[in-house]
Amino acid sequence: MAKFKSSFPEHQISEDWIDLHPSAAEIASGTGTLELRLPENTRAIIACLDVTVVDAAETLDVSVETLFHTTGGDAWMPVIHFTQAGAAAVRHYDKIVAALDQATFNDGAALAAGAKRHHFGGAWRCTWVISVNGPFNFSVTLQPM
């Protein structure tokens, strides 16, 4: 993938997509074991959910979460909840930008499908919910900007 050349230096895109969940078959809901740390100068992230094998009778919900260190302890918060996948292979993209305003929310509040929060914590991971028992083959990749 060629590097995007922006006329604004602060919007340069990394040449590499980073695997948050390498392409793999999942048969149950779970949490990724990768806890990714991004470069300190990251101002935005493009996230891609690529679902290649599906189960027509089931659904897959995938979220990207970021880690916040609070006085009450560490907390993983969802920042991207991709649109639900189901009967067809699909590729979804989303972008969050650190400089954008974010409405107030409760740290226990769920994030609806297709929604996002513009927050950047110290680490990143993905979670997924499969309605029954899959299989779904999917990957989640991030591209820091």
C-alpha atoms as a PDB file:
ATOM      1  CA  MET A   1       0.000   0.000   0.000  1.00  0.00           C
ATOM      2  CA  ALA A   2       1.443   3.349  -1.050  1.00  0.00           C
ATOM      3  CA  LYS A   3       1.893   6.083   1.508  1.00  0.00           C
ATOM      4  CA  PHE A   4      -0.735   8.803   1.268  1.00  0.00           C
ATOM      5  CA  LYS A   5       0.841  12.197   0.572  1.00  0.00           C
ATOM      6  CA  SER A   6      -1.181  14.909   2.233  1.00  0.00           C
ATOM      7  CA  SER A   7      -0.583  18.621   1.760  1.00  0.00           C
ATOM      8  CA  PHE A   8      -0.978  18.823   5.556  1.00  0.00           C
ATOM      9  CA  PRO A   9       2.031  17.190   7.296  1.00  0.00           C
ATOM     10  CA  GLU A  10      -0.028  16.365  10.395  1.00  0.00           C
ATOM     11  CA  HIS A  11      -2.254  14.097   8.269  1.00  0.00           C
ATOM     12  CA  GLN A  12       0.374  11.734   6.890  1.00  0.00           C
ATOM     13  CA  ILE A  13      -0.769   8.106   6.952  1.00  0.00           C
ATOM     14  CA  SER A  14       1.548   5.324   8.052  1.00  0.00           C
ATOM     15  CA  GLU A  15       2.514   2.920   5.277  1.00  0.00           C
ATOM     16  CA  ASP A  16       1.537  -0.070   7.383  1.00  0.00           C
ATOM     17  CA  TRP A  17      -1.750  -1.401   8.650  1.00  0.00           C
ATOM     18  CA  ILE A  18      -1.340  -2.923  12.113  1.00  0.00           C
ATOM     19  CA  ASP A  19      -3.104  -6.184  12.972  1.00  0.00           C
ATOM     20  CA  LEU A  20      -5.291  -5.859  16.043  1.00  0.00           C
ATOM     21  CA  HIS A  21      -6.941  -9.224  15.286  1.00  0.00           C
ATOM     22  CA  PRO A  22      -5.110 -11.165  12.561  1.00  0.00           C
ATOM     23  CA  SER A  23      -7.379 -12.991  10.137  1.00  0.00           C
ATOM     24  CA  ALA A  24      -8.679 -16.061  11.977  1.00  0.00           C
ATOM     25  CA  ALA A  25     -11.803 -18.146  12.418  1.00  0.00           C
ATOM     26  CA  GLU A  26     -13.722 -17.525  15.634  1.00  0.00           C
ATOM     27  CA  ILE A  27     -16.576 -19.713  16.854  1.00  0.00           C
ATOM     28  CA  ALA A  28     -17.404 -17.901  20.101  1.00  0.00           C
ATOM     29  CA  SER A  29     -17.499 -14.396  21.538  1.00  0.00           C
ATOM     30  CA  GLY A  30     -14.172 -13.142  22.823  1.00  0.00           C
ATOM     31  CA  THR A  31     -11.594 -10.479  23.530  1.00  0.00           C
ATOM     32  CA  GLY A  32      -8.417 -10.141  21.515  1.00  0.00           C
ATOM     33  CA  THR A  33      -5.200 -11.007  23.284  1.00  0.00           C
ATOM     34  CA  LEU A  34      -3.245  -8.247  21.545  1.00  0.00           C
ATOM     35  CA  GLU A  35      -2.932  -5.002  23.447  1.00  0.00           C
ATOM     36  CA  LEU A  36      -1.494  -2.682  20.871  1.00  0.00           C
ATOM     37  CA  ARG A  37       0.321   0.549  21.625  1.00  0.00           C
ATOM     38  CA  LEU A  38       0.390   3.193  18.889  1.00  0.00           C
ATOM     39  CA  PRO A  39       3.040   5.840  18.147  1.00  0.00           C
ATOM     40  CA  GLU A  40       2.817   8.823  20.522  1.00  0.00           C
ATOM     41  CA  ASN A  41       2.151  11.269  17.692  1.00  0.00           C
ATOM     42  CA  THR A  42      -0.954   9.407  16.486  1.00  0.00           C
ATOM     43  CA  ARG A  43      -3.756  11.930  15.933  1.00  0.00           C
ATOM     44  CA  ALA A  44      -6.252   9.725  14.111  1.00  0.00           C
ATOM     45  CA  ILE A  45      -6.885   6.057  13.402  1.00  0.00           C
ATOM     46  CA  ILE A  46      -8.517   4.337  10.465  1.00  0.00           C
ATOM     47  CA  ALA A  47      -9.905   0.952  11.503  1.00  0.00           C
ATOM     48  CA  CYS A  48     -10.925  -1.836   9.135  1.00  0.00           C
ATOM     49  CA  LEU A  49     -13.073  -4.874   9.897  1.00  0.00           C
ATOM     50  CA  ASP A  50     -12.724  -7.459   7.106  1.00  0.00           C
ATOM     51  CA  VAL A  51     -15.157 -10.391   7.392  1.00  0.00           C
ATOM     52  CA  THR A  52     -14.378 -13.101   4.829  1.00  0.00           C
ATOM     53  CA  VAL A  53     -16.232 -16.192   6.083  1.00  0.00           C
ATOM     54  CA  VAL A  54     -19.743 -15.833   7.457  1.00  0.00           C
ATOM     55  CA  ASP A  55     -22.588 -17.876   8.877  1.00  0.00           C
ATOM     56  CA  ALA A  56     -25.876 -16.839   7.272  1.00  0.00           C
ATOM     57  CA  ALA A  57     -27.873 -17.764  10.384  1.00  0.00           C
ATOM     58  CA  GLU A  58     -25.779 -15.743  12.845  1.00  0.00           C
ATOM     59  CA  THR A  59     -24.428 -12.254  13.510  1.00  0.00           C
ATOM     60  CA  LEU A  60     -21.041 -10.827  14.432  1.00  0.00           C
ATOM     61  CA  ASP A  61     -20.502  -7.590  16.389  1.00  0.00           C
ATOM     62  CA  VAL A  62     -16.936  -6.248  16.598  1.00  0.00           C
ATOM     63  CA  SER A  63     -15.667  -3.303  18.650  1.00  0.00           C
ATOM     64  CA  VAL A  64     -12.323  -1.562  19.039  1.00  0.00           C
ATOM     65  CA  GLU A  65     -11.529  -0.514  22.616  1.00  0.00           C
ATOM     66  CA  THR A  66      -8.903   1.740  24.176  1.00  0.00           C
ATOM     67  CA  LEU A  67      -7.427   1.586  27.686  1.00  0.00           C
ATOM     68  CA  PHE A  68      -7.765   4.457  30.133  1.00  0.00           C
ATOM     69  CA  HIS A  69      -5.930   4.688  33.439  1.00  0.00           C
ATOM     70  CA  THR A  70      -8.253   6.272  35.993  1.00  0.00           C
ATOM     71  CA  THR A  71      -8.154   6.872  39.731  1.00  0.00           C
ATOM     72  CA  GLY A  72     -10.535   3.928  40.100  1.00  0.00           C
ATOM     73  CA  GLY A  73      -8.268   1.614  38.069  1.00  0.00           C
ATOM     74  CA  ASP A  74      -7.818   0.716  34.445  1.00  0.00           C
ATOM     75  CA  ALA A  75     -10.863   0.701  32.186  1.00  0.00           C
ATOM     76  CA  TRP A  76     -11.306  -0.521  28.608  1.00  0.00           C
ATOM     77  CA  MET A  77     -13.754   1.705  26.711  1.00  0.00           C
ATOM     78  CA  PRO A  78     -15.273   0.987  23.306  1.00  0.00           C
ATOM     79  CA  VAL A  79     -14.419   3.670  20.747  1.00  0.00           C
ATOM     80  CA  ILE A  80     -15.601   2.008  17.519  1.00  0.00           C
ATOM     81  CA  HIS A  81     -18.507  -0.409  17.151  1.00  0.00           C
ATOM     82  CA  PHE A  82     -18.617  -1.616  13.559  1.00  0.00           C
ATOM     83  CA  THR A  83     -21.922  -2.202  11.783  1.00  0.00           C
ATOM     84  CA  GLN A  84     -23.094  -5.759  12.456  1.00  0.00           C
ATOM     85  CA  ALA A  85     -21.938  -8.488  10.032  1.00  0.00           C
ATOM     86  CA  GLY A  86     -24.159 -11.403   9.074  1.00  0.00           C
ATOM     87  CA  ALA A  87     -24.948 -13.337   5.926  1.00  0.00           C
ATOM     88  CA  ALA A  88     -22.421 -11.800   3.510  1.00  0.00           C
ATOM     89  CA  ALA A  89     -18.698 -11.102   3.464  1.00  0.00           C
ATOM     90  CA  VAL A  90     -18.118  -7.423   4.165  1.00  0.00           C
ATOM     91  CA  ARG A  91     -15.405  -4.839   4.801  1.00  0.00           C
ATOM     92  CA  HIS A  92     -16.190  -1.884   7.105  1.00  0.00           C
ATOM     93  CA  TYR A  93     -13.982   1.168   7.683  1.00  0.00           C
ATOM     94  CA  ASP A  94     -14.206   3.784  10.403  1.00  0.00           C
ATOM     95  CA  LYS A  95     -12.041   6.670  11.549  1.00  0.00           C
ATOM     96  CA  ILE A  96     -11.621   8.404  14.887  1.00  0.00           C
ATOM     97  CA  VAL A  97      -9.790  11.695  15.376  1.00  0.00           C
ATOM     98  CA  ALA A  98      -8.249  12.749  18.688  1.00  0.00           C
ATOM     99  CA  ALA A  99      -8.949  16.465  18.186  1.00  0.00           C
ATOM    100  CA  LEU A 100     -12.719  16.107  17.697  1.00  0.00           C
ATOM    101  CA  ASP A 101     -15.162  16.912  20.483  1.00  0.00           C
ATOM    102  CA  GLN A 102     -16.881  14.060  22.265  1.00  0.00           C
ATOM    103  CA  ALA A 103     -20.171  14.202  24.119  1.00  0.00           C
ATOM    104  CA  THR A 104     -20.129  13.192  27.769  1.00  0.00           C
ATOM    105  CA  PHE A 105     -20.859   9.511  28.427  1.00  0.00           C
ATOM    106  CA  ASN A 106     -20.910   7.097  31.334  1.00  0.00           C
ATOM    107  CA  ASP A 107     -17.903   4.740  31.380  1.00  0.00           C
ATOM    108  CA  GLY A 108     -20.271   1.775  31.564  1.00  0.00           C
ATOM    109  CA  ALA A 109     -22.366   2.945  28.617  1.00  0.00           C
ATOM    110  CA  ALA A 110     -22.522   0.600  25.650  1.00  0.00           C
ATOM    111  CA  LEU A 111     -21.665   1.869  22.193  1.00  0.00           C
ATOM    112  CA  ALA A 112     -24.334   1.230  19.553  1.00  0.00           C
ATOM    113  CA  ALA A 113     -23.469  -0.514  16.281  1.00  0.00           C
ATOM    114  CA  GLY A 114     -22.113   1.941  13.752  1.00  0.00           C
ATOM    115  CA  ALA A 115     -21.159   4.438  16.482  1.00  0.00           C
ATOM    116  CA  LYS A 116     -17.790   5.812  17.607  1.00  0.00           C
ATOM    117  CA  ARG A 117     -16.130   7.914  20.309  1.00  0.00           C
ATOM    118  CA  HIS A 118     -13.127  10.109  19.587  1.00  0.00           C
ATOM    119  CA  HIS A 119     -10.970   9.006  22.539  1.00  0.00           C
ATOM    120  CA  PHE A 120      -7.378   7.796  22.555  1.00  0.00           C
ATOM    121  CA  GLY A 121      -6.047   5.764  25.471  1.00  0.00           C
ATOM    122  CA  GLY A 122      -2.753   4.022  26.149  1.00  0.00           C
ATOM    123  CA  ALA A 123      -3.479   0.683  24.467  1.00  0.00           C
ATOM    124  CA  TRP A 124      -5.931  -0.828  21.955  1.00  0.00           C
ATOM    125  CA  ARG A 125      -7.714  -4.173  21.562  1.00  0.00           C
ATOM    126  CA  CYS A 126     -10.805  -5.617  19.907  1.00  0.00           C
ATOM    127  CA  THR A 127     -13.755  -7.579  21.234  1.00  0.00           C
ATOM    128  CA  TRP A 128     -16.410  -9.551  19.385  1.00  0.00           C
ATOM    129  CA  VAL A 129     -19.786 -11.109  20.040  1.00  0.00           C
ATOM    130  CA  ILE A 130     -21.032 -14.024  17.926  1.00  0.00           C
ATOM    131  CA  SER A 131     -24.760 -14.680  18.272  1.00  0.00           C
ATOM    132  CA  VAL A 132     -24.509 -18.487  18.564  1.00  0.00           C
ATOM    133  CA  ASN A 133     -21.337 -20.359  17.580  1.00  0.00           C
ATOM    134  CA  GLY A 134     -20.001 -19.080  14.245  1.00  0.00           C
ATOM    135  CA  PRO A 135     -17.767 -19.616  12.494  1.00  0.00           C
ATOM    136  CA  PHE A 136     -16.774 -16.142  11.326  1.00  0.00           C
ATOM    137  CA  ASN A 137     -13.380 -15.489   9.770  1.00  0.00           C
ATOM    138  CA  PHE A 138     -12.392 -11.862  10.251  1.00  0.00           C
ATOM    139  CA  SER A 139      -9.544  -9.455  10.838  1.00  0.00           C
ATOM    140  CA  VAL A 140      -9.315  -6.024  12.456  1.00  0.00           C
ATOM    141  CA  THR A 141      -6.512  -3.707  11.362  1.00  0.00           C
ATOM    142  CA  LEU A 142      -5.594  -0.162  12.375  1.00  0.00           C
ATOM    143  CA  GLN A 143      -3.731   2.505  10.454  1.00  0.00           C
ATOM    144  CA  PRO A 144      -2.390   5.320  12.637  1.00  0.00           C
ATOM    145  CA  MET A 145      -2.254   8.817  11.177  1.00  0.00           C
END
